[in-house]
């Protein structure tokens, strides 16, 4: 999908992408630079509830995944 940046730095997220990600008016997004890419990730209305069960059944690997995610966030913060 190709989008164009306006003079105000705005872009329109294509309808197909909004629908696939459940993005609605008022949805907050996290913006991160990852290498040469700009990555937008929708923030759930309740991040705590969205995280429930995230590492269920993963044992120690879940903890390692969480640590890896925190390190990534610090690098891109």
Protein backbone atom coordinates (compact mmCIF):
# COMPACT_ATOMS: atom_id res chain seq x y z
CA UNK A 1 0.00 0.00 0.00
CA UNK A 2 1.33 3.39 -0.93
CA UNK A 3 0.35 6.49 1.03
CA UNK A 4 1.32 10.12 0.56
CA UNK A 5 2.50 12.39 3.36
CA UNK A 6 0.70 15.76 3.48
CA UNK A 7 2.44 19.09 4.08
CA UNK A 8 1.40 18.72 7.74
CA UNK A 9 3.10 15.30 8.02
CA UNK A 10 -0.19 13.42 7.97
CA UNK A 11 -0.96 10.15 6.21
CA UNK A 12 -4.23 8.34 5.59
CA UNK A 13 -4.24 4.71 6.68
CA UNK A 14 -5.94 2.72 3.90
CA UNK A 15 -9.38 1.33 4.83
CA UNK A 16 -8.24 -2.26 4.28
CA UNK A 17 -5.42 -1.84 6.82
CA UNK A 18 -7.68 -0.03 9.34
CA UNK A 19 -10.23 -2.83 9.12
CA UNK A 20 -7.60 -5.59 9.48
CA UNK A 21 -6.15 -3.94 12.61
CA UNK A 22 -9.42 -2.72 14.12
CA UNK A 23 -8.33 0.93 13.94
CA UNK A 24 -11.22 3.33 14.49
CA UNK A 25 -11.41 7.11 14.97
CA UNK A 26 -9.74 7.95 18.27
CA UNK A 27 -7.50 4.84 18.30
CA UNK A 28 -4.10 5.72 19.74
CA UNK A 29 -1.06 4.40 17.87
CA UNK A 30 2.51 3.78 18.95
CA UNK A 31 5.03 5.06 16.39
CA UNK A 32 8.52 3.55 16.32
CA UNK A 33 11.47 3.77 13.96
CA UNK A 34 12.76 0.27 13.19
CA UNK A 35 15.86 0.46 11.02
CA UNK A 36 14.71 2.35 7.93
CA UNK A 37 11.01 1.80 8.62
CA UNK A 38 8.34 3.68 10.51
CA UNK A 39 6.08 1.23 12.33
CA UNK A 40 2.66 2.16 13.73
CA UNK A 41 1.05 -0.22 16.23
CA UNK A 42 -2.49 0.30 17.57
CA UNK A 43 -2.59 0.64 21.36
CA UNK A 44 -5.47 -1.37 22.88
CA UNK A 45 -8.02 0.65 24.85
CA UNK A 46 -6.99 -1.32 27.92
CA UNK A 47 -3.36 -2.42 27.53
CA UNK A 48 -3.53 -4.37 30.81
CA UNK A 49 -6.48 -6.46 29.63
CA UNK A 50 -4.88 -6.94 26.21
CA UNK A 51 -1.83 -8.47 27.91
CA UNK A 52 -3.73 -11.10 29.91
CA UNK A 53 -2.67 -14.57 28.81
CA UNK A 54 0.10 -13.19 26.63
CA UNK A 55 2.69 -15.63 27.98
CA UNK A 56 0.39 -18.45 29.03
CA UNK A 57 2.07 -21.84 28.66
CA UNK A 58 5.38 -20.37 27.54
CA UNK A 59 7.33 -20.98 30.76
CA UNK A 60 10.72 -19.31 30.84
CA UNK A 61 10.52 -18.42 27.16
CA UNK A 62 7.69 -15.99 28.00
CA UNK A 63 9.96 -14.16 30.41
CA UNK A 64 12.72 -14.05 27.80
CA UNK A 65 10.24 -12.70 25.25
CA UNK A 66 9.12 -9.98 27.66
CA UNK A 67 12.72 -8.99 28.38
CA UNK A 68 13.44 -8.87 24.63
CA UNK A 69 10.40 -6.66 24.03
CA UNK A 70 11.47 -4.28 26.81
CA UNK A 71 14.98 -4.02 25.35
CA UNK A 72 13.53 -3.29 21.91
CA UNK A 73 11.28 -0.59 23.36
CA UNK A 74 14.24 1.05 25.11
CA UNK A 75 16.26 1.10 21.87
CA UNK A 76 13.37 2.66 19.96
CA UNK A 77 12.08 4.83 22.82
